[in-house]
């Protein structure tokens, strides 16, 4: 299991297995956001199982499923609300981590500069330059 910190408050990760939640809790993370819809792939446990294991470990859990490549304003708002409401630091995950990093970027449009968002993601290995123009807080 690998998770990649974007900032001190959030890391992104590829699909988490139930046992990965133990390492996340041990590393000091306080919450998990699942951005992967149930049934998307055979490698994923159902979100109810992830929620149950997170609760056992004292991790807050939020299910914000987003279909890859389809980032509706409601999805971005739900992700932003999760970031605002959950105790951090948080690990957000999807199939590869990219979807969660895009959600993070879109949720921070208008809160961080476009250049800072793109640079932060790039340091973590995610090229979000294609979002330029959507991250200034005015575009959707």
N, C-alpha and C. Protein backbone atom coordinates (compact mmCIF):
# COMPACT_ATOMS: atom_id res chain seq x y z
N UNK A 1 0.85 -1.17 0.00
CA UNK A 1 0.00 0.00 0.00
C UNK A 1 0.89 1.23 0.00
N UNK A 2 0.55 2.14 -0.85
CA UNK A 2 1.30 3.39 -0.87
C UNK A 2 0.32 4.54 -0.92
N UNK A 3 0.60 5.54 -0.12
CA UNK A 3 -0.17 6.78 -0.21
C UNK A 3 0.85 7.90 -0.40
N UNK A 4 0.41 8.93 -1.09
CA UNK A 4 1.31 10.02 -1.45
C UNK A 4 0.76 11.31 -0.87
N UNK A 5 1.48 11.93 0.06
CA UNK A 5 1.03 13.20 0.62
C UNK A 5 1.00 14.30 -0.46
N UNK A 6 -0.12 15.00 -0.52
CA UNK A 6 -0.18 16.21 -1.35
C UNK A 6 0.22 17.40 -0.48
N UNK A 7 -0.35 17.45 0.71
CA UNK A 7 -0.04 18.50 1.69
C UNK A 7 0.05 17.81 3.06
N UNK A 8 0.27 18.59 4.09
CA UNK A 8 0.29 18.02 5.44
C UNK A 8 -1.08 17.49 5.85
N UNK A 9 -2.13 17.97 5.17
CA UNK A 9 -3.50 17.63 5.55
C UNK A 9 -4.13 16.51 4.74
N UNK A 10 -3.56 16.19 3.57
CA UNK A 10 -4.19 15.18 2.72
C UNK A 10 -3.16 14.41 1.92
N UNK A 11 -3.42 13.12 1.82
CA UNK A 11 -2.65 12.23 0.95
C UNK A 11 -3.64 11.54 0.03
N UNK A 12 -3.14 11.08 -1.12
CA UNK A 12 -3.98 10.31 -2.04
C UNK A 12 -3.35 8.93 -2.21
N UNK A 13 -4.19 7.97 -2.57
CA UNK A 13 -3.73 6.59 -2.66
C UNK A 13 -4.50 5.84 -3.72
N UNK A 14 -3.88 4.77 -4.25
CA UNK A 14 -4.64 3.84 -5.08
C UNK A 14 -5.54 3.00 -4.18
N UNK A 15 -6.33 2.13 -4.78
CA UNK A 15 -7.27 1.29 -4.05
C UNK A 15 -6.69 0.77 -2.73
N UNK A 16 -7.41 1.00 -1.65
CA UNK A 16 -6.99 0.50 -0.34
C UNK A 16 -7.65 -0.84 -0.07
N UNK A 17 -6.88 -1.72 0.52
CA UNK A 17 -7.42 -2.98 1.03
C UNK A 17 -7.74 -2.75 2.51
N UNK A 18 -8.52 -3.62 3.09
CA UNK A 18 -8.90 -3.44 4.48
C UNK A 18 -7.68 -3.35 5.40
N UNK A 19 -6.69 -4.19 5.14
CA UNK A 19 -5.50 -4.18 5.99
C UNK A 19 -4.68 -2.90 5.83
N UNK A 20 -4.84 -2.18 4.72
CA UNK A 20 -4.13 -0.92 4.53
C UNK A 20 -4.60 0.14 5.52
N UNK A 21 -5.84 0.02 5.97
CA UNK A 21 -6.37 1.00 6.91
C UNK A 21 -5.61 0.97 8.23
N UNK A 22 -5.09 -0.20 8.63
CA UNK A 22 -4.28 -0.29 9.84
C UNK A 22 -3.05 0.60 9.74
N UNK A 23 -2.35 0.54 8.60
CA UNK A 23 -1.15 1.34 8.40
C UNK A 23 -1.49 2.83 8.34
N UNK A 24 -2.62 3.16 7.74
CA UNK A 24 -3.04 4.56 7.66
C UNK A 24 -3.31 5.10 9.06
N UNK A 25 -4.01 4.34 9.86
CA UNK A 25 -4.28 4.77 11.24
C UNK A 25 -2.98 4.88 12.03
N UNK A 26 -2.10 3.90 11.87
CA UNK A 26 -0.83 3.90 12.59
C UNK A 26 0.05 5.09 12.19
N UNK A 27 -0.09 5.56 10.95
CA UNK A 27 0.69 6.69 10.46
C UNK A 27 0.14 8.03 10.94
N UNK A 28 -0.99 8.00 11.64
CA UNK A 28 -1.53 9.24 12.20
C UNK A 28 -2.65 9.89 11.41
N UNK A 29 -3.06 9.25 10.34
CA UNK A 29 -4.20 9.80 9.59
C UNK A 29 -5.46 9.60 10.41
N UNK A 30 -6.40 10.52 10.27
CA UNK A 30 -7.62 10.51 11.07
C UNK A 30 -8.87 10.15 10.28
N UNK A 31 -8.78 10.21 8.95
CA UNK A 31 -9.98 9.99 8.13
C UNK A 31 -9.60 9.45 6.76
N UNK A 32 -10.59 8.81 6.13
CA UNK A 32 -10.43 8.23 4.79
C UNK A 32 -11.62 8.68 3.94
N UNK A 33 -11.33 9.10 2.72
CA UNK A 33 -12.38 9.43 1.74
C UNK A 33 -12.26 8.44 0.59
N UNK A 34 -13.32 7.71 0.33
CA UNK A 34 -13.36 6.73 -0.75
C UNK A 34 -14.02 7.37 -1.97
N UNK A 35 -13.25 7.56 -3.04
CA UNK A 35 -13.76 8.17 -4.27
C UNK A 35 -14.08 7.16 -5.35
N UNK A 36 -14.02 5.88 -5.02
CA UNK A 36 -14.24 4.85 -6.03
C UNK A 36 -15.61 4.21 -5.87
N UNK A 37 -16.45 4.30 -6.91
CA UNK A 37 -17.76 3.66 -6.82
C UNK A 37 -17.63 2.15 -6.61
N UNK A 38 -18.52 1.61 -5.81
CA UNK A 38 -18.55 0.16 -5.60
C UNK A 38 -18.71 -0.56 -6.94
N UNK A 39 -18.05 -1.71 -7.07
CA UNK A 39 -18.21 -2.54 -8.25
C UNK A 39 -17.43 -2.08 -9.46
N UNK A 40 -16.57 -1.09 -9.30
CA UNK A 40 -15.81 -0.58 -10.44
C UNK A 40 -14.77 -1.60 -10.92
N UNK A 41 -14.23 -2.37 -9.99
CA UNK A 41 -13.22 -3.36 -10.35
C UNK A 41 -13.24 -4.51 -9.37
N UNK A 42 -12.70 -5.66 -9.79
CA UNK A 42 -12.73 -6.85 -8.94
C UNK A 42 -11.77 -6.77 -7.75
N UNK A 43 -10.87 -5.79 -7.75
CA UNK A 43 -9.85 -5.69 -6.71
C UNK A 43 -10.30 -4.91 -5.48
N UNK A 44 -11.52 -4.44 -5.47
CA UNK A 44 -11.91 -3.54 -4.40
C UNK A 44 -12.91 -4.17 -3.44
N UNK A 45 -12.68 -3.97 -2.14
CA UNK A 45 -13.69 -4.40 -1.18
C UNK A 45 -14.89 -3.45 -1.25
N UNK A 46 -16.08 -3.91 -0.88
CA UNK A 46 -17.24 -3.01 -0.88
C UNK A 46 -17.05 -1.88 0.12
N UNK A 47 -17.62 -0.75 -0.21
CA UNK A 47 -17.41 0.42 0.64
C UNK A 47 -17.93 0.19 2.05
N UNK A 48 -18.96 -0.63 2.23
CA UNK A 48 -19.46 -0.91 3.58
C UNK A 48 -18.40 -1.60 4.42
N UNK A 49 -17.60 -2.48 3.81
CA UNK A 49 -16.53 -3.17 4.53
C UNK A 49 -15.42 -2.19 4.91
N UNK A 50 -15.12 -1.27 4.00
CA UNK A 50 -14.10 -0.26 4.30
C UNK A 50 -14.59 0.64 5.44
N UNK A 51 -15.86 1.05 5.36
CA UNK A 51 -16.42 1.90 6.42
C UNK A 51 -16.37 1.20 7.76
N UNK A 52 -16.70 -0.09 7.79
CA UNK A 52 -16.71 -0.85 9.05
C UNK A 52 -15.30 -0.96 9.62
N UNK A 53 -14.32 -1.27 8.77
CA UNK A 53 -12.94 -1.40 9.26
C UNK A 53 -12.41 -0.05 9.73
N UNK A 54 -12.72 1.01 9.00
CA UNK A 54 -12.30 2.35 9.42
C UNK A 54 -12.86 2.67 10.80
N UNK A 55 -14.14 2.37 11.01
CA UNK A 55 -14.77 2.63 12.31
C UNK A 55 -14.08 1.84 13.42
N UNK A 56 -13.74 0.59 13.14
CA UNK A 56 -13.04 -0.24 14.13
C UNK A 56 -11.72 0.39 14.55
N UNK A 57 -11.08 1.09 13.62
CA UNK A 57 -9.77 1.69 13.88
C UNK A 57 -9.87 3.13 14.36
N UNK A 58 -11.09 3.65 14.49
CA UNK A 58 -11.27 5.03 14.93
C UNK A 58 -11.05 6.06 13.84
N UNK A 59 -11.05 5.61 12.58
CA UNK A 59 -10.92 6.53 11.45
C UNK A 59 -12.30 7.01 11.02
N UNK A 60 -12.43 8.30 10.77
CA UNK A 60 -13.65 8.78 10.15
C UNK A 60 -13.64 8.32 8.70
N UNK A 61 -14.81 8.18 8.12
CA UNK A 61 -14.92 7.66 6.77
C UNK A 61 -15.98 8.42 6.01
N UNK A 62 -15.67 8.73 4.75
CA UNK A 62 -16.65 9.38 3.89
C UNK A 62 -16.61 8.70 2.53
N UNK A 63 -17.78 8.40 2.00
CA UNK A 63 -17.91 7.78 0.68
C UNK A 63 -18.38 8.86 -0.29
N UNK A 64 -17.49 9.27 -1.19
CA UNK A 64 -17.78 10.28 -2.21
C UNK A 64 -17.41 9.66 -3.56
N UNK A 65 -18.26 8.73 -4.06
CA UNK A 65 -17.92 8.03 -5.29
C UNK A 65 -18.05 8.92 -6.52
N UNK A 66 -17.03 8.85 -7.37
CA UNK A 66 -17.01 9.65 -8.59
C UNK A 66 -16.56 8.73 -9.73
N UNK A 67 -17.31 8.74 -10.81
CA UNK A 67 -16.91 7.97 -11.99
C UNK A 67 -15.70 8.65 -12.61
N UNK A 68 -14.70 7.87 -12.92
CA UNK A 68 -13.45 8.41 -13.46
C UNK A 68 -13.73 9.31 -14.66
N UNK A 69 -13.15 10.51 -14.62
CA UNK A 69 -13.28 11.46 -15.71
C UNK A 69 -14.56 12.27 -15.69
N UNK A 70 -15.44 12.01 -14.73
CA UNK A 70 -16.72 12.74 -14.66
C UNK A 70 -16.80 13.47 -13.32
N UNK A 71 -16.34 14.70 -13.32
CA UNK A 71 -16.26 15.49 -12.09
C UNK A 71 -17.34 16.55 -12.09
N UNK A 72 -18.53 16.16 -11.64
CA UNK A 72 -19.66 17.09 -11.59
C UNK A 72 -19.45 18.09 -10.45
N UNK A 73 -20.01 19.29 -10.56
CA UNK A 73 -19.88 20.26 -9.48
C UNK A 73 -20.33 19.70 -8.12
N UNK A 74 -21.36 18.84 -8.15
CA UNK A 74 -21.84 18.25 -6.88
C UNK A 74 -20.79 17.33 -6.27
N UNK A 75 -20.04 16.63 -7.11
CA UNK A 75 -18.97 15.76 -6.62
C UNK A 75 -17.86 16.57 -5.96
N UNK A 76 -17.49 17.65 -6.62
CA UNK A 76 -16.44 18.53 -6.09
C UNK A 76 -16.92 19.14 -4.77
N UNK A 77 -18.16 19.57 -4.72
CA UNK A 77 -18.71 20.15 -3.49
C UNK A 77 -18.75 19.12 -2.36
N UNK A 78 -19.10 17.89 -2.68
CA UNK A 78 -19.13 16.83 -1.66
C UNK A 78 -17.73 16.54 -1.14
N UNK A 79 -16.74 16.54 -2.03
CA UNK A 79 -15.36 16.31 -1.62
C UNK A 79 -14.88 17.46 -0.75
N UNK A 80 -15.19 18.70 -1.15
CA UNK A 80 -14.80 19.88 -0.37
C UNK A 80 -15.43 19.81 1.02
N UNK A 81 -16.72 19.44 1.08
CA UNK A 81 -17.40 19.34 2.37
C UNK A 81 -16.73 18.29 3.25
N UNK A 82 -16.34 17.17 2.65
CA UNK A 82 -15.65 16.12 3.41
C UNK A 82 -14.35 16.66 3.98
N UNK A 83 -13.58 17.37 3.17
CA UNK A 83 -12.32 17.94 3.65
C UNK A 83 -12.56 18.93 4.78
N UNK A 84 -13.62 19.72 4.66
CA UNK A 84 -13.92 20.72 5.68
C UNK A 84 -14.43 20.10 6.98
N UNK A 85 -15.13 18.99 6.86
CA UNK A 85 -15.80 18.39 8.03
C UNK A 85 -14.98 17.34 8.75
N UNK A 86 -14.14 16.62 8.03
CA UNK A 86 -13.38 15.53 8.63
C UNK A 86 -12.14 16.04 9.35
N UNK A 87 -11.80 15.38 10.44
CA UNK A 87 -10.55 15.68 11.12
C UNK A 87 -9.41 15.20 10.23
N UNK A 88 -8.37 15.99 10.14
CA UNK A 88 -7.24 15.59 9.33
C UNK A 88 -6.09 15.11 10.18
N UNK A 89 -5.10 14.60 9.51
CA UNK A 89 -4.97 14.46 8.07
C UNK A 89 -5.84 13.33 7.50
N UNK A 90 -6.09 13.43 6.20
CA UNK A 90 -7.02 12.57 5.48
C UNK A 90 -6.26 11.83 4.36
N UNK A 91 -6.67 10.59 4.10
CA UNK A 91 -6.23 9.87 2.91
C UNK A 91 -7.45 9.69 2.02
N UNK A 92 -7.37 10.18 0.78
CA UNK A 92 -8.43 9.98 -0.21
C UNK A 92 -7.91 8.97 -1.22
N UNK A 93 -8.78 8.04 -1.62
CA UNK A 93 -8.33 7.02 -2.56
C UNK A 93 -9.34 6.74 -3.65
N UNK A 94 -8.81 6.17 -4.75
CA UNK A 94 -9.61 5.73 -5.89
C UNK A 94 -8.85 4.56 -6.51
N UNK A 95 -8.96 4.34 -7.79
CA UNK A 95 -8.25 3.22 -8.40
C UNK A 95 -6.74 3.45 -8.39
N UNK A 96 -6.32 4.65 -8.81
CA UNK A 96 -4.88 4.92 -8.93
C UNK A 96 -4.39 6.09 -8.09
N UNK A 97 -5.31 6.90 -7.57
CA UNK A 97 -4.95 8.12 -6.85
C UNK A 97 -5.17 9.37 -7.67
N UNK A 98 -5.25 9.21 -8.99
CA UNK A 98 -5.41 10.37 -9.86
C UNK A 98 -6.77 11.05 -9.66
N UNK A 99 -7.83 10.29 -9.63
CA UNK A 99 -9.17 10.85 -9.46
C UNK A 99 -9.25 11.66 -8.16
N UNK A 100 -8.68 11.10 -7.10
CA UNK A 100 -8.70 11.81 -5.81
C UNK A 100 -7.86 13.08 -5.88
N UNK A 101 -6.74 13.06 -6.61
CA UNK A 101 -5.93 14.27 -6.72
C UNK A 101 -6.65 15.33 -7.55
N UNK A 102 -7.39 14.91 -8.57
CA UNK A 102 -8.17 15.87 -9.36
C UNK A 102 -9.28 16.48 -8.50
N UNK A 103 -9.96 15.65 -7.73
CA UNK A 103 -11.00 16.18 -6.83
C UNK A 103 -10.41 17.18 -5.85
N UNK A 104 -9.25 16.84 -5.29
CA UNK A 104 -8.58 17.77 -4.37
C UNK A 104 -8.29 19.10 -5.07
N UNK A 105 -7.76 19.01 -6.30
CA UNK A 105 -7.43 20.23 -7.05
C UNK A 105 -8.67 21.07 -7.31
N UNK A 106 -9.73 20.44 -7.80
CA UNK A 106 -10.96 21.18 -8.10
C UNK A 106 -11.59 21.74 -6.83
N UNK A 107 -11.49 21.01 -5.72
CA UNK A 107 -12.06 21.47 -4.45
C UNK A 107 -11.28 22.64 -3.87
N UNK A 108 -10.05 22.84 -4.33
CA UNK A 108 -9.24 23.95 -3.83
C UNK A 108 -9.17 25.13 -4.79
N UNK A 109 -9.90 25.01 -5.93
CA UNK A 109 -9.96 26.13 -6.87
C UNK A 109 -10.53 27.34 -6.15
N UNK A 110 -9.83 28.45 -6.25
CA UNK A 110 -10.26 29.68 -5.58
C UNK A 110 -9.75 29.78 -4.15
N UNK A 111 -9.25 28.69 -3.59
CA UNK A 111 -8.68 28.71 -2.24
C UNK A 111 -7.15 28.75 -2.30
N UNK A 112 -6.61 28.18 -3.36
CA UNK A 112 -5.18 28.20 -3.64
C UNK A 112 -5.03 28.73 -5.06
N UNK A 113 -3.85 29.25 -5.38
CA UNK A 113 -3.66 29.70 -6.76
C UNK A 113 -3.57 28.48 -7.68
N UNK A 114 -3.94 28.70 -8.92
CA UNK A 114 -3.87 27.64 -9.91
C UNK A 114 -2.46 27.07 -10.01
N UNK A 115 -1.46 27.95 -10.02
CA UNK A 115 -0.07 27.49 -10.10
C UNK A 115 0.31 26.65 -8.89
N UNK A 116 -0.14 27.03 -7.69
CA UNK A 116 0.19 26.28 -6.49
C UNK A 116 -0.48 24.90 -6.49
N UNK A 117 -1.71 24.84 -6.96
CA UNK A 117 -2.41 23.55 -7.04
C UNK A 117 -1.66 22.61 -7.98
N UNK A 118 -1.33 23.10 -9.17
CA UNK A 118 -0.66 22.27 -10.17
C UNK A 118 0.73 21.86 -9.68
N UNK A 119 1.45 22.78 -9.04
CA UNK A 119 2.78 22.47 -8.53
C UNK A 119 2.72 21.46 -7.38
N UNK A 120 1.75 21.60 -6.50
CA UNK A 120 1.59 20.67 -5.38
C UNK A 120 1.33 19.26 -5.90
N UNK A 121 0.42 19.15 -6.86
CA UNK A 121 0.12 17.84 -7.43
C UNK A 121 1.34 17.27 -8.16
N UNK A 122 2.07 18.12 -8.87
CA UNK A 122 3.25 17.67 -9.62
C UNK A 122 4.31 17.11 -8.67
N UNK A 123 4.52 17.75 -7.52
CA UNK A 123 5.49 17.24 -6.54
C UNK A 123 5.11 15.84 -6.07
N UNK A 124 3.81 15.53 -6.09
CA UNK A 124 3.33 14.21 -5.68
C UNK A 124 3.28 13.23 -6.86
N UNK A 125 3.64 13.71 -8.05
CA UNK A 125 3.69 12.83 -9.22
C UNK A 125 2.44 12.85 -10.08
N UNK A 126 1.57 13.83 -9.88
CA UNK A 126 0.34 13.93 -10.66
C UNK A 126 0.40 15.17 -11.55
N UNK A 127 0.29 14.96 -12.84
CA UNK A 127 0.29 16.07 -13.79
C UNK A 127 -1.15 16.54 -14.00
N UNK A 128 -1.50 17.63 -13.37
CA UNK A 128 -2.85 18.17 -13.49
C UNK A 128 -2.88 19.43 -14.35
N UNK A 129 -1.86 19.61 -15.17
CA UNK A 129 -1.80 20.80 -16.00
C UNK A 129 -2.98 20.90 -16.97
N UNK A 130 -3.61 19.79 -17.30
CA UNK A 130 -4.79 19.83 -18.19
C UNK A 130 -5.96 20.54 -17.53
N UNK A 131 -5.89 20.72 -16.21
CA UNK A 131 -6.97 21.42 -15.50
C UNK A 131 -6.78 22.94 -15.51
N UNK A 132 -5.66 23.40 -16.06
CA UNK A 132 -5.40 24.84 -16.08
C UNK A 132 -6.61 25.55 -16.73
N UNK A 133 -7.05 26.58 -16.09
CA UNK A 133 -8.24 27.30 -16.55
C UNK A 133 -9.48 26.92 -15.75
N UNK A 134 -9.44 25.75 -15.11
CA UNK A 134 -10.56 25.32 -14.25
C UNK A 134 -10.23 25.51 -12.78
N UNK A 135 -9.00 25.91 -12.47
CA UNK A 135 -8.56 25.97 -11.09
C UNK A 135 -8.42 27.38 -10.55
N UNK A 136 -8.92 28.35 -11.31
CA UNK A 136 -8.80 29.73 -10.85
C UNK A 136 -9.98 30.14 -9.97
N UNK A 137 -10.89 29.21 -9.75
CA UNK A 137 -12.05 29.50 -8.92
C UNK A 137 -13.24 30.00 -9.69
N UNK A 138 -13.08 30.19 -11.00
CA UNK A 138 -14.19 30.71 -11.80
C UNK A 138 -14.70 29.70 -12.81
N UNK A 139 -13.84 28.81 -13.24
CA UNK A 139 -14.24 27.82 -14.26
C UNK A 139 -14.74 26.54 -13.64
N UNK A 140 -15.60 25.84 -14.35
CA UNK A 140 -16.10 24.55 -13.86
C UNK A 140 -16.09 23.59 -15.00
